[in-house]
Amino acid sequence: MLYLFFFCILTKSNQNQETAMHIAIIGMGEVGRCYAKALHDAGYELSLCEAFPSASATGLAAQWGIPLHQKPGNWLENVQWVLSCVTGSQALAVVGQVTPFLKSGVGFADLTTASPQTKREASASAAQSGLRYIDVAIMGAISLKWEKTPLLAAGETASAFKEMLETAGARVQVITDGKPGDAISLKILRSIFTKGMEALAVELLMSAEKQGVREELYHQLKDIDETPLRDFIDMLVRTHVMHAKRRAHEVRDARNELDQQQLPSLVLPGVEERFDATASLLEKHPLGLDQPNVEQALAWLLSNSAAT
C-alpha cells in the first residue's frame, strides 16, 4: 500500500511537469487566442505576444494575470514551444525576430497562411538556429470549431507537436515524411478544389432552380455521388487529354444555354479556355496513347505546360 501511495504521488508529479511545459503564443488574433485558451485550460504555462493588442487579447492576458508582450525578448528564453499565429505576410519576419532569444531544440510551429515557399524559407532560417520548425495548416474555420478545427502538420518533429497540442483538445494530422511547405500546399490545393466546386455549384443550381429541375438534377448526379472521389478526379484528368476538343464544344453549348437564361457564366469561360488549350496542345504534341492512366496524362500535361 505504501508503495502504491508513493507511485501515485510520483505519477501525479510527472503529469504536472508535463502540463507545466512553457509555450509562447506569438500573435493574439483569433487563432492565437483560440489556442492560448485551450493550452491555458490544459494547464500549460504561457507567454503571450502581440504587436498591436486588441481589447480581447488584453482582456484575456489580464484575466490570466499574464503579461502581454509587444515584441520578442528575453522572456522567450525558457519556452519549449513557440506557436506563430501572425498573418502570412509576417511569418518569415517572426522567425528572425524570435530566434535570438530561443534555445536550440525549441519547437516552432508556424500556423500562418504563408505561401509554401515562404514556409520553406522560414524552416531553413529556423534550422540555422537549431529550432524544430513545423509547418501547420488550419484546415477549416477557427470560429466554428475553435481548437477542434483540424490541423495538418509537416516537419521532422510534427509528431511531438501533435502530442503536445492534442492534450489541449486539438485535432492534428501529421503528414508522413512531410516537409515544411507540404501542409500549406495541401491546404491551398484543397481550396482550389472546394472553391472551384463552390463557384460551379452556384451557377449550376441557379440555372437548375430557374428551370424548375433542381430536384431531378440531384437524381441525375447520383452516379457521381456513388463514385469514390479519387476515382472520379483521376477519371476526369485521364479522359481530359483524350476528349478535350469535343468537350470544349460542350462547354460552349453550356455557356450559350446560360446566356439564353440570362444567367451568364463567370466560371465557364475559364473552363473553355482550359479545354481549348489542351486541344491545341494535342494537335502540336499528340499524346500517343489510346487509354492513358492518370500518371501518364499528368506527365503529358506537365511536360507541355510551358507551351500553354
Protein backbone atom coordinates (compact mmCIF):
# COMPACT_ATOMS: atom_id res chain seq x y z
CA MET A 1 0.00 0.00 0.00
CA LEU A 2 2.84 2.37 0.87
CA TYR A 3 4.49 1.61 -2.50
CA LEU A 4 1.21 2.32 -4.31
CA PHE A 5 0.85 5.62 -2.44
CA PHE A 6 4.30 6.84 -3.49
CA PHE A 7 3.72 5.56 -7.05
CA CYS A 8 0.55 7.67 -7.33
CA ILE A 9 2.36 10.73 -5.96
CA LEU A 10 5.20 10.27 -8.46
CA THR A 11 2.78 9.79 -11.36
CA LYS A 12 0.88 12.94 -10.46
CA SER A 13 4.14 14.84 -10.16
CA ASN A 14 5.22 13.70 -13.64
CA GLN A 15 1.87 14.73 -15.08
CA ASN A 16 2.22 18.19 -13.54
CA GLN A 17 5.70 18.50 -15.04
CA GLU A 18 4.32 17.65 -18.46
CA THR A 19 1.49 20.21 -18.24
CA ALA A 20 3.94 22.83 -16.93
CA MET A 21 5.60 23.00 -20.36
CA HIS A 22 6.19 26.63 -21.30
CA ILE A 23 4.64 27.75 -24.59
CA ALA A 24 4.83 31.15 -26.26
CA ILE A 25 1.99 32.38 -28.47
CA ILE A 26 3.13 34.99 -31.00
CA GLY A 27 0.11 36.79 -32.43
CA MET A 28 -3.08 37.11 -30.40
CA GLY A 29 -5.67 37.38 -33.13
CA GLU A 30 -8.48 34.85 -33.37
CA VAL A 31 -6.13 31.89 -33.96
CA GLY A 32 -3.71 32.86 -31.21
CA ARG A 33 -6.48 33.45 -28.66
CA CYS A 34 -8.11 30.14 -29.58
CA TYR A 35 -5.04 28.02 -28.86
CA ALA A 36 -3.99 30.18 -25.92
CA LYS A 37 -7.32 29.41 -24.23
CA ALA A 38 -7.08 25.69 -24.99
CA LEU A 39 -3.48 25.42 -23.76
CA HIS A 40 -4.18 27.52 -20.66
CA ASP A 41 -7.14 25.33 -19.76
CA ALA A 42 -4.92 22.26 -20.21
CA GLY A 43 -2.51 23.61 -17.60
CA TYR A 44 0.38 24.81 -19.73
CA GLU A 45 2.47 27.83 -18.79
CA LEU A 46 2.01 30.55 -21.39
CA SER A 47 3.76 33.67 -22.59
CA LEU A 48 1.85 35.94 -24.94
CA CYS A 49 2.97 38.42 -27.58
CA GLU A 50 1.02 40.80 -29.81
CA ALA A 51 2.44 43.90 -31.50
CA PHE A 52 -0.95 45.61 -31.74
CA PRO A 53 -3.10 44.11 -28.96
CA SER A 54 -6.86 44.20 -29.28
CA ALA A 55 -9.21 44.61 -26.33
CA SER A 56 -9.88 40.86 -26.49
CA ALA A 57 -6.20 39.99 -26.27
CA THR A 58 -5.54 42.48 -23.48
CA GLY A 59 -8.55 41.23 -21.55
CA LEU A 60 -7.51 37.61 -21.85
CA ALA A 61 -3.98 38.32 -20.62
CA ALA A 62 -5.35 40.35 -17.70
CA GLN A 63 -7.81 37.59 -16.80
CA TRP A 64 -4.97 35.09 -16.51
CA GLY A 65 -2.54 37.53 -14.91
CA ILE A 66 -0.06 37.05 -17.77
CA PRO A 67 1.99 39.91 -19.31
CA LEU A 68 1.14 40.66 -22.92
CA HIS A 69 4.47 41.44 -24.60
CA GLN A 70 4.53 43.62 -27.69
CA LYS A 71 7.75 42.24 -29.15
CA PRO A 72 10.06 39.23 -28.74
CA GLY A 73 12.65 39.50 -25.99
CA ASN A 74 14.43 37.71 -23.16
CA TRP A 75 11.08 36.48 -21.86
CA LEU A 76 11.36 33.77 -24.55
CA GLU A 77 14.50 32.17 -23.15
CA ASN A 78 12.76 29.38 -21.21
CA VAL A 79 9.98 28.35 -23.61
CA GLN A 80 9.85 24.85 -25.11
CA TRP A 81 7.43 25.70 -27.93
CA VAL A 82 6.55 28.76 -29.95
CA LEU A 83 3.24 28.93 -31.82
CA SER A 84 3.39 31.58 -34.54
CA CYS A 85 -0.17 32.80 -35.15
CA VAL A 86 0.57 36.01 -37.06
CA THR A 87 -0.54 36.86 -40.58
CA GLY A 88 1.14 35.13 -43.51
CA SER A 89 2.96 38.29 -44.53
CA GLN A 90 4.77 38.34 -41.16
CA ALA A 91 5.62 34.62 -40.99
CA LEU A 92 9.24 34.85 -42.09
CA ALA A 93 9.93 38.03 -40.13
CA VAL A 94 8.74 36.45 -36.88
CA VAL A 95 11.24 33.60 -37.22
CA GLY A 96 14.06 36.11 -37.48
CA GLN A 97 12.74 38.15 -34.55
CA VAL A 98 12.42 35.26 -32.08
CA THR A 99 15.48 33.13 -32.89
CA PRO A 100 17.99 35.34 -30.99
CA PHE A 101 16.10 34.63 -27.77
CA LEU A 102 15.37 30.91 -28.17
CA LYS A 103 17.49 27.96 -27.13
CA SER A 104 18.47 25.29 -29.63
CA GLY A 105 15.90 22.50 -29.79
CA VAL A 106 12.84 24.67 -29.18
CA GLY A 107 9.83 23.71 -31.28
CA PHE A 108 8.50 26.39 -33.65
CA ALA A 109 5.01 25.73 -35.03
CA ASP A 110 4.08 28.04 -37.90
CA LEU A 111 0.26 28.28 -38.04
CA THR A 112 0.27 31.14 -40.53
CA THR A 113 -1.21 31.15 -44.04
CA ALA A 114 2.15 32.00 -45.62
CA SER A 115 2.95 30.50 -49.02
CA PRO A 116 4.71 27.12 -49.30
CA GLN A 117 7.92 28.84 -50.44
CA THR A 118 7.83 31.27 -47.51
CA LYS A 119 7.41 28.38 -45.09
CA ARG A 120 10.33 26.56 -46.65
CA GLU A 121 12.46 29.67 -46.23
CA ALA A 122 11.25 30.06 -42.64
CA SER A 123 12.16 26.45 -41.94
CA ALA A 124 15.67 26.92 -43.33
CA SER A 125 16.11 30.08 -41.23
CA ALA A 126 14.87 28.30 -38.09
CA ALA A 127 17.17 25.33 -38.70
CA GLN A 128 20.22 27.61 -38.67
CA SER A 129 19.43 28.36 -35.03
CA GLY A 130 18.68 24.74 -34.17
CA LEU A 131 14.91 25.21 -33.94
CA ARG A 132 12.47 22.41 -34.77
CA TYR A 133 10.22 24.01 -37.38
CA ILE A 134 6.70 22.62 -38.03
CA ASP A 135 4.53 23.76 -40.93
CA VAL A 136 0.92 23.77 -39.70
CA ALA A 137 -2.12 24.39 -41.91
CA ILE A 138 -5.51 25.17 -40.39
CA MET A 139 -7.98 23.10 -42.41
CA GLY A 140 -11.21 24.85 -41.50
CA ALA A 141 -12.80 27.88 -39.87
CA ILE A 142 -11.44 28.50 -36.37
CA SER A 143 -14.58 30.48 -35.49
CA LEU A 144 -16.74 27.37 -35.99
CA LYS A 145 -14.85 24.58 -34.21
CA TRP A 146 -12.19 26.52 -32.30
CA GLU A 147 -9.43 24.19 -31.04
CA LYS A 148 -11.26 21.23 -32.61
CA THR A 149 -10.57 22.64 -36.08
CA PRO A 150 -8.48 20.04 -37.99
CA LEU A 151 -4.80 20.88 -38.32
CA LEU A 152 -2.36 19.41 -40.84
CA ALA A 153 1.30 19.33 -39.77
CA ALA A 154 4.54 18.65 -41.64
CA GLY A 155 8.10 18.55 -40.38
CA GLU A 156 10.54 16.15 -38.74
CA THR A 157 9.09 16.69 -35.25
CA ALA A 158 5.46 17.16 -36.26
CA SER A 159 4.52 14.16 -34.10
CA ALA A 160 5.78 15.98 -31.00
CA PHE A 161 3.62 18.97 -31.92
CA LYS A 162 0.64 16.66 -32.37
CA GLU A 163 1.19 15.03 -29.00
CA MET A 164 1.51 18.37 -27.24
CA LEU A 165 -1.47 20.11 -28.84
CA GLU A 166 -3.84 17.15 -28.63
CA THR A 167 -3.51 17.25 -24.83
CA ALA A 168 -5.31 20.61 -25.19
CA GLY A 169 -8.15 19.09 -27.24
CA ALA A 170 -6.82 19.91 -30.70
CA ARG A 171 -7.04 17.61 -33.74
CA VAL A 172 -3.75 17.22 -35.60
CA GLN A 173 -2.97 15.05 -38.60
CA VAL A 174 0.71 14.53 -39.37
CA ILE A 175 1.83 14.10 -42.98
CA THR A 176 4.06 11.03 -43.08
CA ASP A 177 7.57 12.08 -44.16
CA GLY A 178 6.17 15.56 -44.77
CA LYS A 179 8.47 18.55 -45.18
CA PRO A 180 7.81 22.19 -44.28
CA GLY A 181 5.64 23.68 -47.02
CA ASP A 182 3.74 20.44 -47.64
CA ALA A 183 0.92 21.17 -45.19
CA ILE A 184 0.13 24.63 -46.51
CA SER A 185 0.46 23.34 -50.10
CA LEU A 186 -2.25 20.76 -49.42
CA LYS A 187 -4.45 23.42 -47.84
CA ILE A 188 -4.13 25.59 -50.96
CA LEU A 189 -4.79 22.65 -53.28
CA ARG A 190 -7.86 21.73 -51.26
CA SER A 191 -9.06 25.33 -51.61
CA ILE A 192 -8.59 25.21 -55.38
CA PHE A 193 -10.88 22.20 -55.47
CA THR A 194 -13.50 23.35 -52.99
CA LYS A 195 -13.69 26.97 -54.15
CA GLY A 196 -13.82 25.89 -57.79
CA MET A 197 -16.61 23.46 -56.95
CA GLU A 198 -18.38 26.19 -54.99
CA ALA A 199 -18.36 28.58 -57.93
CA LEU A 200 -19.63 25.87 -60.29
CA ALA A 201 -22.29 24.79 -57.79
CA VAL A 202 -23.62 28.35 -57.55
CA GLU A 203 -24.06 28.64 -61.32
CA LEU A 204 -25.34 25.07 -61.65
CA LEU A 205 -28.06 25.35 -59.02
CA MET A 206 -29.12 28.85 -60.07
CA SER A 207 -29.80 27.52 -63.58
CA ALA A 208 -31.48 24.34 -62.31
CA GLU A 209 -33.71 26.32 -59.93
CA LYS A 210 -34.71 28.78 -62.62
CA GLN A 211 -35.72 25.88 -64.88
CA GLY A 212 -37.52 24.06 -62.07
CA VAL A 213 -35.41 20.89 -62.37
CA ARG A 214 -33.15 21.12 -59.31
CA GLU A 215 -34.54 18.06 -57.54
CA GLU A 216 -34.27 15.97 -60.70
CA LEU A 217 -30.70 17.23 -61.18
CA TYR A 218 -29.66 15.71 -57.86
CA HIS A 219 -31.02 12.39 -59.09
CA GLN A 220 -29.12 12.66 -62.37
CA LEU A 221 -25.88 13.34 -60.47
CA LYS A 222 -26.34 10.30 -58.24
CA ASP A 223 -23.83 8.20 -60.21
CA ILE A 224 -21.14 10.77 -59.42
CA ASP A 225 -22.12 10.73 -55.77
CA GLU A 226 -21.65 6.95 -55.71
CA THR A 227 -18.13 7.10 -57.22
CA PRO A 228 -15.14 7.40 -54.87
CA LEU A 229 -13.79 10.94 -55.13
CA ARG A 230 -10.26 9.85 -56.07
CA ASP A 231 -11.56 7.63 -58.88
CA PHE A 232 -13.75 10.43 -60.19
CA ILE A 233 -11.00 13.07 -60.21
CA ASP A 234 -8.49 10.70 -61.81
CA MET A 235 -11.06 9.78 -64.48
CA LEU A 236 -11.62 13.45 -65.34
CA VAL A 237 -7.90 14.07 -65.86
CA ARG A 238 -7.07 10.92 -67.85
CA THR A 239 -10.05 11.39 -70.19
CA HIS A 240 -9.44 15.13 -70.49
CA VAL A 241 -6.32 14.54 -72.57
CA MET A 242 -8.34 12.28 -74.87
CA HIS A 243 -11.51 14.32 -75.38
CA ALA A 244 -10.60 17.95 -74.72
CA LYS A 245 -11.59 19.16 -78.22
CA ARG A 246 -15.06 17.60 -78.13
CA ARG A 247 -15.67 18.71 -74.57
CA ALA A 248 -14.68 22.28 -75.42
CA HIS A 249 -17.67 22.37 -77.78
CA GLU A 250 -19.89 21.06 -74.98
CA VAL A 251 -18.69 23.84 -72.69
CA ARG A 252 -19.55 26.43 -75.35
CA ASP A 253 -23.02 24.95 -75.68
CA ALA A 254 -23.47 25.16 -71.91
CA ARG A 255 -22.33 28.80 -71.89
CA ASN A 256 -24.81 29.64 -74.63
CA GLU A 257 -27.60 27.96 -72.67
CA LEU A 258 -26.84 30.01 -69.57
CA ASP A 259 -26.70 33.18 -71.68
CA GLN A 260 -30.18 32.42 -73.01
CA GLN A 261 -31.40 32.03 -69.43
CA GLN A 262 -29.92 35.47 -68.67
CA LEU A 263 -27.50 33.80 -66.26
CA PRO A 264 -24.17 34.49 -67.96
CA SER A 265 -21.45 32.26 -66.55
CA LEU A 266 -18.36 33.66 -64.84
CA VAL A 267 -16.83 30.21 -64.46
CA LEU A 268 -17.26 28.52 -67.83
CA PRO A 269 -15.10 30.97 -69.83
CA GLY A 270 -12.09 29.74 -67.84
CA VAL A 271 -13.20 26.13 -68.26
CA GLU A 272 -13.49 26.65 -72.02
CA GLU A 273 -10.02 28.18 -72.13
CA ARG A 274 -8.57 25.16 -70.29
CA PHE A 275 -10.14 22.72 -72.78
CA ASP A 276 -9.10 24.80 -75.79
CA ALA A 277 -5.52 24.94 -74.52
CA THR A 278 -5.35 21.17 -74.15
CA ALA A 279 -6.96 20.62 -77.56
CA SER A 280 -4.38 22.92 -79.14
CA LEU A 281 -1.54 21.03 -77.45
CA LEU A 282 -2.89 17.71 -78.66
CA GLU A 283 -2.63 18.94 -82.24
CA LYS A 284 1.00 20.01 -81.76
CA HIS A 285 2.14 17.22 -79.43
CA PRO A 286 -0.04 14.11 -79.85
CA LEU A 287 -0.47 12.03 -76.74
CA GLY A 288 0.42 8.75 -78.45
CA LEU A 289 -1.73 6.67 -76.11
CA ASP A 290 -5.25 5.38 -76.63
CA GLN A 291 -6.08 4.84 -72.97
CA PRO A 292 -3.67 6.76 -70.71
CA ASN A 293 -3.75 6.27 -66.96
CA VAL A 294 -3.76 9.33 -64.70
CA GLU A 295 0.03 9.27 -64.23
CA GLN A 296 0.59 9.28 -67.99
CA ALA A 297 -1.98 12.03 -68.50
CA LEU A 298 -0.39 14.22 -65.85
CA ALA A 299 3.10 13.60 -67.21
CA TRP A 300 1.98 14.72 -70.67
CA LEU A 301 0.19 17.80 -69.31
CA LEU A 302 3.16 18.84 -67.19
CA SER A 303 5.68 18.26 -69.97
CA ASN A 304 3.69 20.57 -72.21
CA SER A 305 2.60 23.10 -69.59
CA ALA A 306 5.18 25.68 -70.68
CA ALA A 307 3.58 25.78 -74.10
CA THR A 308 0.10 26.70 -72.83
